[in-house]
Amino acid sequence: MATDLATHYLDEARRQMRGHKRMGEGAMAQLSDADLFVTLDPESNSVAILVKHLAGNMRSRFTDFLTTDGEKPDRFRDREFEVTAATTRAEVMKWWEEGWSCVLGAIDALKPDDVMRTVTIRGEPHTVLQAINRQIAHYAAHIGQIVFLAKHLRSSEWKTLTIPRGKSEEFKKVASKPSRS
């Protein structure tokens, strides 16, 4: 039973991580190159900065996930909140892909027996389950910010990533119809 639950948990963690990745990509695909660098005010982060931060966190947390602290000594978190005028969309997307490669590679390699192993983040012990849940929540929050910014910047030209406004009842009807296989 415990192995079945751990297997189910890892499958769900993978599903959620891939879903967050798709959501972020769907939002960023709607933005112009210039839009990636827009901030709403001096204290806000741009999409590019959010991606740089996510990628830095992902690399740090998921490189050698089971064997080294999730806060790597070569991570300089404050620099993740800086981009220059020379930063390009290609760089931003490279950060994105490299970060997700670390995450998905590490999670895909996990076995059910790993779920209750102990890993550390900033010297604090976590079970693998706790560490993954922590990162799912962190990534969801920042991807929500990316979606918010993209939706704000695209305004009436925004293409929804989920059920369109005013279409919930229609969606429920379609979803509740039995499939004809």
N, C-alpha and C. Protein backbone atom coordinates (compact mmCIF):
# COMPACT_ATOMS: atom_id res chain seq x y z
N MET A 1 0.83 -1.20 0.00
CA MET A 1 0.00 0.00 0.00
C MET A 1 0.86 1.26 0.00
N ALA A 2 1.89 1.31 0.84
CA ALA A 2 2.75 2.50 0.91
C ALA A 2 3.45 2.76 -0.41
N THR A 3 3.90 1.68 -1.07
CA THR A 3 4.56 1.83 -2.37
C THR A 3 3.57 2.37 -3.39
N ASP A 4 2.33 1.87 -3.37
CA ASP A 4 1.31 2.37 -4.28
C ASP A 4 1.06 3.86 -4.06
N LEU A 5 0.98 4.26 -2.80
CA LEU A 5 0.75 5.66 -2.48
C LEU A 5 1.94 6.52 -2.93
N ALA A 6 3.15 6.06 -2.70
CA ALA A 6 4.34 6.80 -3.12
C ALA A 6 4.41 6.90 -4.64
N THR A 7 4.06 5.82 -5.32
CA THR A 7 4.02 5.85 -6.79
C THR A 7 3.00 6.87 -7.27
N HIS A 8 1.83 6.83 -6.66
CA HIS A 8 0.78 7.78 -7.03
C HIS A 8 1.24 9.21 -6.75
N TYR A 9 1.87 9.44 -5.62
CA TYR A 9 2.36 10.78 -5.27
C TYR A 9 3.37 11.28 -6.32
N LEU A 10 4.34 10.45 -6.67
CA LEU A 10 5.34 10.87 -7.66
C LEU A 10 4.70 11.15 -9.01
N ASP A 11 3.75 10.31 -9.42
CA ASP A 11 3.04 10.55 -10.68
C ASP A 11 2.32 11.89 -10.64
N GLU A 12 1.67 12.18 -9.51
CA GLU A 12 0.94 13.45 -9.36
C GLU A 12 1.90 14.64 -9.32
N ALA A 13 3.02 14.50 -8.66
CA ALA A 13 4.01 15.59 -8.62
C ALA A 13 4.52 15.87 -10.03
N ARG A 14 4.79 14.83 -10.78
CA ARG A 14 5.24 15.01 -12.18
C ARG A 14 4.15 15.71 -13.00
N ARG A 15 2.92 15.27 -12.82
CA ARG A 15 1.79 15.87 -13.57
C ARG A 15 1.66 17.35 -13.24
N GLN A 16 1.72 17.68 -11.96
CA GLN A 16 1.59 19.08 -11.56
C GLN A 16 2.75 19.93 -12.09
N MET A 17 3.96 19.43 -11.96
CA MET A 17 5.11 20.20 -12.45
C MET A 17 4.99 20.45 -13.96
N ARG A 18 4.64 19.42 -14.70
CA ARG A 18 4.50 19.59 -16.16
C ARG A 18 3.35 20.55 -16.48
N GLY A 19 2.29 20.50 -15.70
CA GLY A 19 1.17 21.43 -15.90
C GLY A 19 1.57 22.87 -15.63
N HIS A 20 2.36 23.09 -14.58
CA HIS A 20 2.85 24.45 -14.30
C HIS A 20 3.76 24.94 -15.43
N LYS A 21 4.59 24.05 -15.93
CA LYS A 21 5.48 24.42 -17.04
C LYS A 21 4.65 24.83 -18.27
N ARG A 22 3.64 24.02 -18.60
CA ARG A 22 2.78 24.34 -19.75
C ARG A 22 2.06 25.67 -19.56
N MET A 23 1.57 25.92 -18.35
CA MET A 23 0.85 27.16 -18.08
C MET A 23 1.77 28.36 -18.29
N GLY A 24 2.98 28.30 -17.76
CA GLY A 24 3.93 29.39 -17.95
C GLY A 24 4.27 29.60 -19.41
N GLU A 25 4.47 28.52 -20.13
CA GLU A 25 4.79 28.62 -21.55
C GLU A 25 3.63 29.19 -22.35
N GLY A 26 2.41 28.80 -22.00
CA GLY A 26 1.23 29.34 -22.68
C GLY A 26 1.10 30.84 -22.49
N ALA A 27 1.45 31.31 -21.29
CA ALA A 27 1.40 32.75 -21.01
C ALA A 27 2.52 33.48 -21.75
N MET A 28 3.73 32.96 -21.65
CA MET A 28 4.87 33.64 -22.28
C MET A 28 4.78 33.66 -23.80
N ALA A 29 4.17 32.63 -24.37
CA ALA A 29 4.03 32.57 -25.83
C ALA A 29 3.18 33.73 -26.36
N GLN A 30 2.33 34.29 -25.52
CA GLN A 30 1.46 35.39 -25.95
C GLN A 30 2.13 36.75 -25.83
N LEU A 31 3.32 36.79 -25.25
CA LEU A 31 4.00 38.06 -25.02
C LEU A 31 5.00 38.39 -26.12
N SER A 32 5.12 39.67 -26.41
CA SER A 32 6.18 40.12 -27.31
C SER A 32 7.50 40.04 -26.56
N ASP A 33 8.59 40.14 -27.27
CA ASP A 33 9.90 40.13 -26.62
C ASP A 33 9.98 41.25 -25.58
N ALA A 34 9.52 42.43 -25.94
CA ALA A 34 9.58 43.58 -25.03
C ALA A 34 8.72 43.35 -23.79
N ASP A 35 7.57 42.69 -23.96
CA ASP A 35 6.67 42.44 -22.84
C ASP A 35 7.32 41.61 -21.73
N LEU A 36 8.27 40.76 -22.09
CA LEU A 36 8.93 39.92 -21.10
C LEU A 36 9.67 40.74 -20.04
N PHE A 37 9.97 41.99 -20.35
CA PHE A 37 10.80 42.81 -19.47
C PHE A 37 10.03 43.95 -18.80
N VAL A 38 8.72 43.98 -18.99
CA VAL A 38 7.89 45.03 -18.41
C VAL A 38 7.67 44.76 -16.93
N THR A 39 7.81 45.82 -16.12
CA THR A 39 7.43 45.75 -14.70
C THR A 39 6.29 46.73 -14.50
N LEU A 40 5.38 46.39 -13.60
CA LEU A 40 4.22 47.25 -13.36
C LEU A 40 4.55 48.43 -12.46
N ASP A 41 5.59 48.28 -11.65
CA ASP A 41 6.04 49.37 -10.78
C ASP A 41 7.47 49.04 -10.35
N PRO A 42 8.15 49.97 -9.68
CA PRO A 42 9.56 49.73 -9.33
C PRO A 42 9.81 48.52 -8.42
N GLU A 43 8.82 48.08 -7.69
CA GLU A 43 8.99 46.94 -6.79
C GLU A 43 8.56 45.61 -7.42
N SER A 44 8.04 45.67 -8.63
CA SER A 44 7.54 44.46 -9.30
C SER A 44 8.64 43.75 -10.06
N ASN A 45 8.40 42.48 -10.32
CA ASN A 45 9.29 41.69 -11.17
C ASN A 45 8.68 41.56 -12.55
N SER A 46 9.53 41.54 -13.55
CA SER A 46 9.08 41.25 -14.91
C SER A 46 8.99 39.73 -15.08
N VAL A 47 8.40 39.31 -16.16
CA VAL A 47 8.37 37.88 -16.49
C VAL A 47 9.79 37.36 -16.60
N ALA A 48 10.68 38.11 -17.23
CA ALA A 48 12.07 37.67 -17.38
C ALA A 48 12.73 37.45 -16.03
N ILE A 49 12.51 38.36 -15.10
CA ILE A 49 13.09 38.21 -13.76
C ILE A 49 12.49 37.00 -13.05
N LEU A 50 11.20 36.82 -13.16
CA LEU A 50 10.56 35.65 -12.54
C LEU A 50 11.13 34.36 -13.10
N VAL A 51 11.35 34.31 -14.40
CA VAL A 51 11.92 33.12 -15.01
C VAL A 51 13.35 32.91 -14.53
N LYS A 52 14.13 33.98 -14.46
CA LYS A 52 15.51 33.85 -14.00
C LYS A 52 15.56 33.33 -12.56
N HIS A 53 14.68 33.86 -11.72
CA HIS A 53 14.61 33.39 -10.33
C HIS A 53 14.17 31.92 -10.27
N LEU A 54 13.13 31.57 -10.99
CA LEU A 54 12.68 30.18 -11.00
C LEU A 54 13.81 29.26 -11.45
N ALA A 55 14.49 29.62 -12.51
CA ALA A 55 15.57 28.77 -13.03
C ALA A 55 16.69 28.62 -12.02
N GLY A 56 17.05 29.69 -11.34
CA GLY A 56 18.09 29.61 -10.31
C GLY A 56 17.67 28.71 -9.17
N ASN A 57 16.43 28.85 -8.74
CA ASN A 57 15.90 28.02 -7.68
C ASN A 57 15.86 26.56 -8.12
N MET A 58 15.37 26.32 -9.32
CA MET A 58 15.24 24.95 -9.83
C MET A 58 16.60 24.26 -9.91
N ARG A 59 17.57 24.96 -10.45
CA ARG A 59 18.92 24.39 -10.56
C ARG A 59 19.46 24.06 -9.17
N SER A 60 19.30 25.00 -8.25
CA SER A 60 19.83 24.80 -6.90
C SER A 60 19.12 23.66 -6.18
N ARG A 61 17.82 23.64 -6.24
CA ARG A 61 17.06 22.64 -5.49
C ARG A 61 17.18 21.23 -6.06
N PHE A 62 17.23 21.12 -7.39
CA PHE A 62 17.11 19.80 -7.99
C PHE A 62 18.39 19.23 -8.58
N THR A 63 19.49 19.95 -8.58
CA THR A 63 20.77 19.36 -8.97
C THR A 63 21.25 18.52 -7.79
N ASP A 64 21.58 17.27 -8.04
CA ASP A 64 21.99 16.35 -6.97
C ASP A 64 20.98 16.37 -5.83
N PHE A 65 19.72 16.30 -6.20
CA PHE A 65 18.59 16.46 -5.28
C PHE A 65 18.68 15.60 -4.02
N LEU A 66 19.01 14.33 -4.19
CA LEU A 66 19.00 13.41 -3.05
C LEU A 66 20.29 13.46 -2.22
N THR A 67 21.33 14.11 -2.75
CA THR A 67 22.64 13.99 -2.08
C THR A 67 23.26 15.29 -1.59
N THR A 68 22.79 16.43 -2.05
CA THR A 68 23.39 17.70 -1.60
C THR A 68 22.29 18.66 -1.15
N ASP A 69 22.67 19.63 -0.34
CA ASP A 69 21.71 20.62 0.13
C ASP A 69 21.10 21.34 -1.07
N GLY A 70 19.81 21.63 -0.97
CA GLY A 70 19.08 22.30 -2.05
C GLY A 70 19.44 23.76 -2.23
N GLU A 71 20.23 24.31 -1.35
CA GLU A 71 20.74 25.67 -1.53
C GLU A 71 22.22 25.55 -1.83
N LYS A 72 22.56 25.55 -3.11
CA LYS A 72 23.93 25.33 -3.54
C LYS A 72 24.81 26.54 -3.22
N PRO A 73 26.07 26.30 -2.88
CA PRO A 73 26.97 27.41 -2.54
C PRO A 73 27.24 28.36 -3.72
N ASP A 74 27.03 27.88 -4.95
CA ASP A 74 27.27 28.74 -6.11
C ASP A 74 26.00 29.45 -6.60
N ARG A 75 24.95 29.40 -5.80
CA ARG A 75 23.73 30.14 -6.13
C ARG A 75 23.82 31.54 -5.51
N PHE A 76 23.58 32.53 -6.32
CA PHE A 76 23.56 33.91 -5.85
C PHE A 76 22.16 34.45 -6.11
N ARG A 77 21.26 34.16 -5.19
CA ARG A 77 19.83 34.44 -5.36
C ARG A 77 19.55 35.88 -5.72
N ASP A 78 20.23 36.82 -5.11
CA ASP A 78 19.96 38.24 -5.39
C ASP A 78 20.19 38.58 -6.86
N ARG A 79 21.11 37.92 -7.50
CA ARG A 79 21.38 38.17 -8.93
C ARG A 79 20.24 37.67 -9.82
N GLU A 80 19.43 36.76 -9.29
CA GLU A 80 18.29 36.25 -10.07
C GLU A 80 17.25 37.33 -10.32
N PHE A 81 17.33 38.41 -9.57
CA PHE A 81 16.36 39.50 -9.70
C PHE A 81 16.93 40.67 -10.49
N GLU A 82 17.94 40.37 -11.31
CA GLU A 82 18.56 41.39 -12.15
C GLU A 82 18.64 40.89 -13.58
N VAL A 83 18.20 41.71 -14.50
CA VAL A 83 18.43 41.46 -15.92
C VAL A 83 18.96 42.76 -16.50
N THR A 84 19.63 42.66 -17.62
CA THR A 84 20.17 43.86 -18.26
C THR A 84 19.41 44.14 -19.54
N ALA A 85 19.67 45.29 -20.10
CA ALA A 85 19.03 45.67 -21.37
C ALA A 85 19.47 44.73 -22.49
N ALA A 86 20.58 44.05 -22.30
CA ALA A 86 21.09 43.13 -23.32
C ALA A 86 20.46 41.74 -23.23
N THR A 87 19.70 41.47 -22.18
CA THR A 87 19.06 40.15 -22.03
C THR A 87 18.03 39.96 -23.13
N THR A 88 18.03 38.78 -23.72
CA THR A 88 17.12 38.49 -24.84
C THR A 88 16.07 37.45 -24.45
N ARG A 89 15.05 37.38 -25.27
CA ARG A 89 14.02 36.35 -25.09
C ARG A 89 14.66 34.97 -25.15
N ALA A 90 15.61 34.78 -26.06
CA ALA A 90 16.27 33.47 -26.18
C ALA A 90 16.96 33.09 -24.87
N GLU A 91 17.60 34.04 -24.21
CA GLU A 91 18.23 33.76 -22.92
C GLU A 91 17.18 33.38 -21.88
N VAL A 92 16.09 34.14 -21.83
CA VAL A 92 15.03 33.87 -20.87
C VAL A 92 14.49 32.46 -21.07
N MET A 93 14.24 32.09 -22.31
CA MET A 93 13.69 30.77 -22.59
C MET A 93 14.72 29.67 -22.33
N LYS A 94 15.99 29.98 -22.51
CA LYS A 94 17.05 29.03 -22.17
C LYS A 94 17.07 28.79 -20.66
N TRP A 95 16.95 29.86 -19.86
CA TRP A 95 16.88 29.70 -18.40
C TRP A 95 15.70 28.81 -18.04
N TRP A 96 14.56 29.09 -18.66
CA TRP A 96 13.34 28.34 -18.40
C TRP A 96 13.55 26.85 -18.66
N GLU A 97 14.04 26.52 -19.83
CA GLU A 97 14.23 25.11 -20.20
C GLU A 97 15.27 24.42 -19.33
N GLU A 98 16.37 25.11 -19.03
CA GLU A 98 17.40 24.52 -18.19
C GLU A 98 16.87 24.25 -16.77
N GLY A 99 16.09 25.19 -16.24
CA GLY A 99 15.51 24.99 -14.92
C GLY A 99 14.58 23.80 -14.89
N TRP A 100 13.67 23.77 -15.84
CA TRP A 100 12.71 22.66 -15.88
C TRP A 100 13.40 21.33 -16.15
N SER A 101 14.47 21.34 -16.90
CA SER A 101 15.23 20.12 -17.14
C SER A 101 15.76 19.55 -15.82
N CYS A 102 16.26 20.42 -14.95
CA CYS A 102 16.73 19.97 -13.63
C CYS A 102 15.59 19.37 -12.82
N VAL A 103 14.48 20.09 -12.77
CA VAL A 103 13.33 19.64 -11.99
C VAL A 103 12.82 18.29 -12.48
N LEU A 104 12.49 18.24 -13.76
CA LEU A 104 11.85 17.04 -14.30
C LEU A 104 12.82 15.86 -14.33
N GLY A 105 14.08 16.13 -14.60
CA GLY A 105 15.07 15.05 -14.57
C GLY A 105 15.18 14.43 -13.19
N ALA A 106 15.23 15.28 -12.17
CA ALA A 106 15.34 14.78 -10.79
C ALA A 106 14.08 14.04 -10.36
N ILE A 107 12.93 14.60 -10.65
CA ILE A 107 11.68 13.95 -10.21
C ILE A 107 11.42 12.68 -11.00
N ASP A 108 11.72 12.69 -12.29
CA ASP A 108 11.52 11.49 -13.09
C ASP A 108 12.40 10.33 -12.62
N ALA A 109 13.55 10.65 -12.04
CA ALA A 109 14.47 9.61 -11.57
C ALA A 109 14.08 9.02 -10.22
N LEU A 110 13.16 9.65 -9.51
CA LEU A 110 12.80 9.18 -8.18
C LEU A 110 12.01 7.87 -8.23
N LYS A 111 12.24 7.06 -7.21
CA LYS A 111 11.53 5.79 -7.03
C LYS A 111 10.62 5.93 -5.81
N PRO A 112 9.59 5.10 -5.71
CA PRO A 112 8.70 5.17 -4.55
C PRO A 112 9.44 5.13 -3.21
N ASP A 113 10.50 4.36 -3.12
CA ASP A 113 11.26 4.28 -1.86
C ASP A 113 11.94 5.59 -1.50
N ASP A 114 12.07 6.51 -2.45
CA ASP A 114 12.74 7.79 -2.18
C ASP A 114 11.84 8.80 -1.48
N VAL A 115 10.54 8.62 -1.56
CA VAL A 115 9.58 9.64 -1.10
C VAL A 115 9.78 10.03 0.36
N MET A 116 10.15 9.10 1.20
CA MET A 116 10.32 9.40 2.63
C MET A 116 11.79 9.59 3.02
N ARG A 117 12.68 9.60 2.04
CA ARG A 117 14.09 9.90 2.34
C ARG A 117 14.20 11.35 2.79
N THR A 118 15.28 11.67 3.47
CA THR A 118 15.51 13.03 3.93
C THR A 118 16.48 13.75 3.01
N VAL A 119 16.10 14.96 2.63
CA VAL A 119 16.97 15.88 1.89
C VAL A 119 17.02 17.17 2.70
N THR A 120 17.98 18.01 2.39
CA THR A 120 18.06 19.29 3.10
C THR A 120 17.91 20.45 2.14
N ILE A 121 17.31 21.51 2.65
CA ILE A 121 17.21 22.78 1.95
C ILE A 121 17.63 23.84 2.95
N ARG A 122 18.73 24.53 2.64
CA ARG A 122 19.31 25.52 3.56
C ARG A 122 19.56 24.91 4.94
N GLY A 123 20.04 23.66 4.94
CA GLY A 123 20.39 22.98 6.18
C GLY A 123 19.21 22.40 6.93
N GLU A 124 18.00 22.63 6.49
CA GLU A 124 16.79 22.15 7.16
C GLU A 124 16.35 20.83 6.54
N PRO A 125 16.14 19.79 7.35
CA PRO A 125 15.72 18.50 6.79
C PRO A 125 14.27 18.52 6.32
N HIS A 126 14.05 17.86 5.20
CA HIS A 126 12.71 17.67 4.62
C HIS A 126 12.65 16.25 4.10
N THR A 127 11.48 15.65 4.14
CA THR A 127 11.32 14.42 3.36
C THR A 127 11.29 14.86 1.90
N VAL A 128 11.55 13.93 1.02
CA VAL A 128 11.45 14.22 -0.42
C VAL A 128 10.06 14.75 -0.72
N LEU A 129 9.04 14.13 -0.13
CA LEU A 129 7.65 14.58 -0.32
C LEU A 129 7.52 16.05 0.08
N GLN A 130 8.02 16.42 1.25
CA GLN A 130 7.93 17.82 1.71
C GLN A 130 8.69 18.76 0.77
N ALA A 131 9.87 18.34 0.35
CA ALA A 131 10.69 19.19 -0.52
C ALA A 131 9.99 19.43 -1.86
N ILE A 132 9.40 18.39 -2.41
CA ILE A 132 8.70 18.54 -3.69
C ILE A 132 7.46 19.41 -3.51
N ASN A 133 6.69 19.17 -2.45
CA ASN A 133 5.51 20.00 -2.21
C ASN A 133 5.90 21.46 -2.05
N ARG A 134 6.98 21.72 -1.35
CA ARG A 134 7.47 23.09 -1.17
C ARG A 134 7.74 23.74 -2.53
N GLN A 135 8.36 23.00 -3.42
CA GLN A 135 8.70 23.56 -4.73
C GLN A 135 7.46 23.69 -5.62
N ILE A 136 6.54 22.75 -5.56
CA ILE A 136 5.31 22.88 -6.34
C ILE A 136 4.60 24.17 -5.96
N ALA A 137 4.50 24.44 -4.66
CA ALA A 137 3.82 25.66 -4.20
C ALA A 137 4.59 26.91 -4.64
N HIS A 138 5.90 26.88 -4.53
CA HIS A 138 6.73 28.02 -4.93
C HIS A 138 6.58 28.30 -6.43
N TYR A 139 6.69 27.25 -7.22
CA TYR A 139 6.60 27.44 -8.68
C TYR A 139 5.20 27.88 -9.10
N ALA A 140 4.18 27.33 -8.47
CA ALA A 140 2.80 27.73 -8.79
C ALA A 140 2.59 29.21 -8.51
N ALA A 141 3.14 29.69 -7.41
CA ALA A 141 2.98 31.12 -7.07
C ALA A 141 3.62 32.00 -8.13
N HIS A 142 4.84 31.68 -8.53
CA HIS A 142 5.52 32.52 -9.52
C HIS A 142 4.92 32.36 -10.92
N ILE A 143 4.47 31.18 -11.26
CA ILE A 143 3.83 31.02 -12.57
C ILE A 143 2.50 31.75 -12.58
N GLY A 144 1.82 31.79 -11.45
CA GLY A 144 0.62 32.63 -11.35
C GLY A 144 0.95 34.09 -11.61
N GLN A 145 2.09 34.55 -11.11
CA GLN A 145 2.51 35.93 -11.39
C GLN A 145 2.78 36.13 -12.87
N ILE A 146 3.42 35.15 -13.50
CA ILE A 146 3.70 35.24 -14.94
C ILE A 146 2.38 35.32 -15.72
N VAL A 147 1.43 34.48 -15.37
CA VAL A 147 0.13 34.49 -16.05
C VAL A 147 -0.56 35.83 -15.82
N PHE A 148 -0.55 36.32 -14.59
CA PHE A 148 -1.16 37.61 -14.29
C PHE A 148 -0.54 38.72 -15.16
N LEU A 149 0.77 38.78 -15.20
CA LEU A 149 1.44 39.81 -16.00
C LEU A 149 1.10 39.68 -17.48
N ALA A 150 1.14 38.45 -17.98
CA ALA A 150 0.84 38.25 -19.40
C ALA A 150 -0.60 38.64 -19.71
N LYS A 151 -1.51 38.26 -18.86
CA LYS A 151 -2.92 38.60 -19.07
C LYS A 151 -3.11 40.12 -19.02
N HIS A 152 -2.47 40.77 -18.07
CA HIS A 152 -2.54 42.23 -17.96
C HIS A 152 -1.97 42.90 -19.22
N LEU A 153 -0.83 42.43 -19.66
CA LEU A 153 -0.17 43.06 -20.81
C LEU A 153 -0.92 42.80 -22.12
N ARG A 154 -1.53 41.66 -22.25
CA ARG A 154 -2.26 41.32 -23.48
C ARG A 154 -3.68 41.86 -23.47
N SER A 155 -4.23 42.08 -22.30
CA SER A 155 -5.55 42.66 -22.11
C SER A 155 -6.60 41.94 -22.97
N SER A 156 -7.27 42.67 -23.83
CA SER A 156 -8.37 42.08 -24.61
C SER A 156 -7.87 41.05 -25.64
N GLU A 157 -6.57 41.02 -25.89
CA GLU A 157 -6.02 40.05 -26.85
C GLU A 157 -5.55 38.77 -26.17
N TRP A 158 -5.72 38.70 -24.85
CA TRP A 158 -5.33 37.51 -24.09
C TRP A 158 -6.15 36.30 -24.53
N LYS A 159 -5.48 35.19 -24.74
CA LYS A 159 -6.15 33.92 -25.04
C LYS A 159 -6.06 33.07 -23.79
N THR A 160 -7.20 32.74 -23.23
CA THR A 160 -7.24 32.04 -21.96
C THR A 160 -6.50 30.71 -22.02
N LEU A 161 -5.94 30.34 -20.89
CA LEU A 161 -5.21 29.08 -20.78
C LEU A 161 -6.07 28.00 -20.13
N THR A 162 -7.24 28.38 -19.67
CA THR A 162 -8.16 27.43 -19.04
C THR A 162 -9.54 27.61 -19.65
N ILE A 163 -10.57 27.46 -18.87
CA ILE A 163 -11.94 27.63 -19.35
C ILE A 163 -12.20 29.12 -19.55
N PRO A 164 -12.64 29.53 -20.74
CA PRO A 164 -12.89 30.95 -20.98
C PRO A 164 -13.99 31.51 -20.07
N ARG A 165 -13.86 32.78 -19.75
CA ARG A 165 -14.87 33.47 -18.95
C ARG A 165 -16.24 33.32 -19.61
N GLY A 166 -17.22 32.99 -18.80
CA GLY A 166 -18.59 32.85 -19.32
C GLY A 166 -18.86 31.50 -19.98
N LYS A 167 -17.91 30.59 -19.96
CA LYS A 167 -18.07 29.30 -20.64
C LYS A 167 -18.06 28.11 -19.68
N SER A 168 -18.14 28.38 -18.37
CA SER A 168 -18.07 27.29 -17.39
C SER A 168 -19.21 26.30 -17.54
N GLU A 169 -20.43 26.80 -17.70
CA GLU A 169 -21.58 25.90 -17.82
C GLU A 169 -21.48 25.05 -19.08
N GLU A 170 -21.05 25.67 -20.18
CA GLU A 170 -20.86 24.94 -21.43
C GLU A 170 -19.80 23.85 -21.24
N PHE A 171 -18.72 24.18 -20.54
CA PHE A 171 -17.66 23.22 -20.29
C PHE A 171 -18.18 22.04 -19.46
N LYS A 172 -18.97 22.34 -18.43
CA LYS A 172 -19.51 21.28 -17.58
C LYS A 172 -20.38 20.32 -18.40
N LYS A 173 -21.17 20.85 -19.32
CA LYS A 173 -22.03 20.00 -20.14
C LYS A 173 -21.20 19.08 -21.03
N VAL A 174 -20.17 19.63 -21.66
CA VAL A 174 -19.32 18.84 -22.54
C VAL A 174 -18.55 17.81 -21.72
N ALA A 175 -18.03 18.21 -20.57
CA ALA A 175 -17.23 17.31 -19.73
C ALA A 175 -18.06 16.18 -19.14
N SER A 176 -19.35 16.41 -18.94
CA SER A 176 -20.18 15.38 -18.31
C SER A 176 -20.76 14.39 -19.31
N LYS A 177 -20.63 14.65 -20.61
CA LYS A 177 -21.15 13.71 -21.61
C LYS A 177 -20.26 12.47 -21.64
N PRO A 178 -20.89 11.30 -21.69
CA PRO A 178 -20.07 10.07 -21.77
C PRO A 178 -19.34 10.02 -23.11
N SER A 179 -18.10 9.57 -23.07
CA SER A 179 -17.34 9.47 -24.32
C SER A 179 -17.83 8.25 -25.10
N ARG A 180 -17.73 8.35 -26.39
CA ARG A 180 -18.16 7.26 -27.27
C ARG A 180 -16.91 6.57 -27.81
N SER A 181 -16.48 5.55 -27.09
CA SER A 181 -15.28 4.84 -27.55
C SER A 181 -15.62 3.50 -28.08
